[in-house]
């Protein structure tokens, strides 16, 4: 789940080279880095996001609607975000589980519970803010995972989602809440997670949770 800083720094150099291009679907291998799956009728949104987002931070995977389920499946353990930019509605049967974020770029394509982005600029800004998020010295590391205040990099996709979403929460079951609390306690981060009545968990300071 974590790696010492010297190893992480060596990984960063390799990651920067890997993350410099748009990845068409199907990719040559399973994707284990932080990935945004962009599902559209053409590649324009994917290309625009690749150019707009810091390339050392995220891989952009370009897919068509018929490829959406397969594109999600090649991301291990899961995509960081799914962007639905197709003119077709997002299928109800498409299985996208937390901690993957779901963003749509057109109101008619938004599934229940997902607020649509009103423009590409809004979508771009939201992703940039999520990638640049910092909570109590925790920030997204290049490639994948979260860089902790002590220099350790945690590869937990749940912690990555919690930092990205802060101060909002992430839908989670009790097992994920326990795991996140244990990880934060072990790292001495000074933060924990609180579970809301709506079934989401969010990062909170230890003193606030006491």
Protein backbone atom coordinates (compact mmCIF):
# COMPACT_ATOMS: atom_id res chain seq x y z
CA UNK A 1 0.00 0.00 0.00
CA UNK A 2 2.94 2.33 0.53
CA UNK A 3 6.50 2.86 -0.65
CA UNK A 4 9.47 4.79 0.72
CA UNK A 5 10.11 8.15 -0.88
CA UNK A 6 13.34 7.15 -2.74
CA UNK A 7 11.50 4.36 -4.52
CA UNK A 8 8.57 6.66 -5.23
CA UNK A 9 10.91 9.27 -6.74
CA UNK A 10 12.38 6.68 -9.09
CA UNK A 11 8.87 5.61 -10.07
CA UNK A 12 7.90 9.23 -10.79
CA UNK A 13 10.56 9.51 -13.49
CA UNK A 14 9.25 6.42 -15.26
CA UNK A 15 5.66 7.58 -14.82
CA UNK A 16 6.31 10.94 -16.45
CA UNK A 17 7.52 9.20 -19.59
CA UNK A 18 4.56 6.81 -19.61
CA UNK A 19 1.95 9.51 -19.11
CA UNK A 20 2.93 11.81 -21.97
CA UNK A 21 0.51 10.46 -24.61
CA UNK A 22 -3.19 9.82 -25.09
CA UNK A 23 -3.97 6.12 -24.78
CA UNK A 24 -6.42 4.83 -27.41
CA UNK A 25 -8.70 1.91 -26.59
CA UNK A 26 -7.95 -0.94 -26.38
CA UNK A 27 -4.62 -0.29 -24.63
CA UNK A 28 -1.69 -2.67 -24.96
CA UNK A 29 -1.86 -3.63 -21.29
CA UNK A 30 -3.90 -3.17 -18.14
CA UNK A 31 -3.62 0.38 -16.83
CA UNK A 32 -2.43 0.68 -13.22
CA UNK A 33 -1.75 4.44 -13.16
CA UNK A 34 -4.27 7.17 -12.32
CA UNK A 35 -6.65 7.06 -15.26
CA UNK A 36 -9.48 9.14 -16.67
CA UNK A 37 -11.62 7.07 -19.02
CA UNK A 38 -13.22 9.44 -21.54
CA UNK A 39 -16.18 7.89 -23.35
CA UNK A 40 -17.28 9.84 -26.43
CA UNK A 41 -18.50 9.53 -30.00
CA UNK A 42 -15.13 10.80 -31.21
CA UNK A 43 -11.77 11.52 -29.63
CA UNK A 44 -12.03 15.30 -29.36
CA UNK A 45 -12.87 15.49 -25.65
CA UNK A 46 -10.17 12.97 -24.77
CA UNK A 47 -7.55 14.86 -26.78
CA UNK A 48 -8.59 18.18 -25.26
CA UNK A 49 -8.37 16.78 -21.72
CA UNK A 50 -5.00 15.21 -22.44
CA UNK A 51 -3.74 18.63 -23.48
CA UNK A 52 -5.40 20.42 -20.53
CA UNK A 53 -4.34 18.16 -17.65
CA UNK A 54 -0.86 17.74 -16.20
CA UNK A 55 0.49 14.71 -18.00
CA UNK A 56 2.59 13.43 -15.12
CA UNK A 57 -0.60 13.19 -13.05
CA UNK A 58 -3.08 11.31 -15.19
CA UNK A 59 -3.46 8.94 -18.14
CA UNK A 60 -6.36 9.74 -20.48
CA UNK A 61 -7.95 6.62 -22.00
CA UNK A 62 -10.08 7.30 -25.10
CA UNK A 63 -13.07 4.96 -25.67
CA UNK A 64 -16.37 4.81 -27.55
CA UNK A 65 -19.73 4.06 -25.87
CA UNK A 66 -19.67 0.40 -26.93
CA UNK A 67 -16.22 0.08 -25.34
CA UNK A 68 -17.09 1.76 -22.02
CA UNK A 69 -17.43 -1.36 -19.87
CA UNK A 70 -14.26 -2.90 -21.27
CA UNK A 71 -12.33 0.36 -20.84
CA UNK A 72 -13.35 0.54 -17.18
CA UNK A 73 -12.33 -3.09 -16.68
CA UNK A 74 -8.72 -2.61 -17.88
CA UNK A 75 -8.07 0.03 -15.18
CA UNK A 76 -6.70 -1.64 -12.06
CA UNK A 77 -8.05 -1.49 -9.51
CA UNK A 78 -10.44 1.08 -11.03
CA UNK A 79 -10.40 4.32 -13.03
CA UNK A 80 -9.84 7.50 -11.03
CA UNK A 81 -12.61 9.15 -13.07
CA UNK A 82 -15.05 8.39 -15.89
CA UNK A 83 -16.00 11.24 -18.21
CA UNK A 84 -19.09 10.58 -20.34
CA UNK A 85 -19.11 12.95 -23.32
CA UNK A 86 -21.20 10.94 -25.77
CA UNK A 87 -24.45 12.33 -27.16
CA UNK A 88 -26.05 9.04 -26.12
CA UNK A 89 -27.31 8.64 -22.58
CA UNK A 90 -25.02 6.84 -20.16
CA UNK A 91 -26.42 3.27 -19.90
CA UNK A 92 -28.06 2.48 -16.58
CA UNK A 93 -26.47 -0.97 -16.76
CA UNK A 94 -22.92 0.45 -16.99
CA UNK A 95 -21.26 -0.58 -13.74
CA UNK A 96 -19.16 2.23 -12.30
CA UNK A 97 -18.38 1.68 -8.63
CA UNK A 98 -16.85 4.00 -6.06
CA UNK A 99 -14.23 5.28 -5.63
CA UNK A 100 -14.40 6.15 -9.36
CA UNK A 101 -15.71 9.68 -9.95
CA UNK A 102 -18.37 10.03 -12.68
CA UNK A 103 -18.54 13.28 -14.64
CA UNK A 104 -20.72 14.01 -17.66
CA UNK A 105 -20.42 16.86 -20.12
CA UNK A 106 -24.03 17.12 -21.27
CA UNK A 107 -27.21 17.44 -19.20
CA UNK A 108 -29.16 14.82 -21.14
CA UNK A 109 -26.40 12.27 -20.53
CA UNK A 110 -26.36 12.61 -16.75
CA UNK A 111 -27.47 9.52 -14.81
CA UNK A 112 -29.43 9.91 -11.60
CA UNK A 113 -27.40 11.52 -8.84
CA UNK A 114 -24.69 12.91 -11.11
CA UNK A 115 -24.57 16.66 -11.74
CA UNK A 116 -23.61 17.45 -15.35
CA UNK A 117 -20.83 19.82 -16.33
CA UNK A 118 -22.35 22.69 -18.26
CA UNK A 119 -19.30 23.16 -20.49
CA UNK A 120 -15.92 21.67 -21.30
CA UNK A 121 -14.31 24.50 -19.32
CA UNK A 122 -16.26 23.45 -16.22
CA UNK A 123 -15.25 19.83 -16.70
CA UNK A 124 -11.59 20.78 -17.20
CA UNK A 125 -11.60 23.01 -14.10
CA UNK A 126 -13.18 20.31 -11.94
CA UNK A 127 -10.56 17.73 -12.94
CA UNK A 128 -7.71 20.18 -12.45
CA UNK A 129 -8.95 21.07 -8.97
CA UNK A 130 -9.26 17.40 -8.04
CA UNK A 131 -5.74 16.63 -9.26
CA UNK A 132 -4.28 19.60 -7.37
CA UNK A 133 -6.14 18.93 -4.11
CA UNK A 134 -4.19 19.03 -0.84
CA UNK A 135 -5.54 18.08 2.57
CA UNK A 136 -3.37 18.41 5.67
CA UNK A 137 -0.18 17.89 3.67
CA UNK A 138 -1.66 14.95 1.72
CA UNK A 139 -1.65 15.43 -2.05
CA UNK A 140 -1.98 13.28 -5.15
CA UNK A 141 1.38 11.86 -6.16
CA UNK A 142 2.50 11.80 -9.80
CA UNK A 143 1.33 8.60 -11.44
CA UNK A 144 -0.87 7.12 -8.76
CA UNK A 145 -1.60 7.31 -5.05
CA UNK A 146 -1.27 9.94 -2.35
CA UNK A 147 1.93 11.49 -1.04
CA UNK A 148 1.68 11.63 2.75
CA UNK A 149 3.20 14.40 4.92
CA UNK A 150 6.08 12.10 5.94
CA UNK A 151 7.09 11.40 2.33
CA UNK A 152 5.49 7.96 2.03
CA UNK A 153 3.27 7.31 -1.01
CA UNK A 154 0.05 5.36 -0.35
CA UNK A 155 -1.44 3.64 -3.38
CA UNK A 156 -4.90 3.34 -1.80
CA UNK A 157 -7.53 4.30 -4.42
CA UNK A 158 -9.91 5.23 -1.60
CA UNK A 159 -7.50 7.67 -0.01
CA UNK A 160 -6.79 9.08 -3.47
CA UNK A 161 -10.52 9.65 -3.95
CA UNK A 162 -10.94 11.17 -0.47
CA UNK A 163 -8.20 13.73 -1.07
CA UNK A 164 -9.55 14.53 -4.55
CA UNK A 165 -13.10 15.02 -3.30
CA UNK A 166 -12.37 16.96 -0.09
CA UNK A 167 -14.32 18.52 1.55
CA UNK A 168 -17.04 16.44 -0.11
CA UNK A 169 -17.37 12.74 0.64
CA UNK A 170 -17.09 9.48 -1.29
CA UNK A 171 -19.74 6.71 -1.20
CA UNK A 172 -18.32 3.90 0.92
CA UNK A 173 -19.26 0.82 2.90
CA UNK A 174 -18.28 0.21 6.52
CA UNK A 175 -15.29 -1.91 5.47
CA UNK A 176 -13.81 0.95 3.43
CA UNK A 177 -14.37 3.37 6.32
CA UNK A 178 -12.47 1.08 8.69
CA UNK A 179 -9.64 0.58 6.19
CA UNK A 180 -9.28 4.32 5.57
CA UNK A 181 -9.21 5.07 9.31
CA UNK A 182 -6.58 2.39 9.87
CA UNK A 183 -4.39 3.72 7.05
CA UNK A 184 -4.56 7.32 8.25
CA UNK A 185 -3.87 6.28 11.85
CA UNK A 186 -0.84 4.22 10.79
CA UNK A 187 0.56 7.19 8.86
CA UNK A 188 0.02 9.59 11.77
CA UNK A 189 -1.65 12.00 9.37
CA UNK A 190 -3.68 13.82 12.01
CA UNK A 191 -6.79 13.10 9.94
CA UNK A 192 -9.44 10.40 9.94
CA UNK A 193 -12.72 9.79 8.10
CA UNK A 194 -16.28 10.38 9.23
CA UNK A 195 -19.22 8.56 7.71
CA UNK A 196 -22.31 10.59 6.96
CA UNK A 197 -25.96 9.61 7.09
CA UNK A 198 -25.94 9.53 3.28
CA UNK A 199 -23.42 6.66 3.25
CA UNK A 200 -20.42 8.75 2.20
CA UNK A 201 -17.13 9.10 4.05
CA UNK A 202 -15.07 12.28 4.13
CA UNK A 203 -11.75 13.38 5.57
CA UNK A 204 -11.93 15.24 8.90
CA UNK A 205 -9.32 16.38 11.39
CA UNK A 206 -8.77 14.06 14.32
CA UNK A 207 -9.81 16.71 16.84
CA UNK A 208 -13.06 17.32 14.94
CA UNK A 209 -13.90 13.62 15.07
CA UNK A 210 -13.21 13.30 18.81
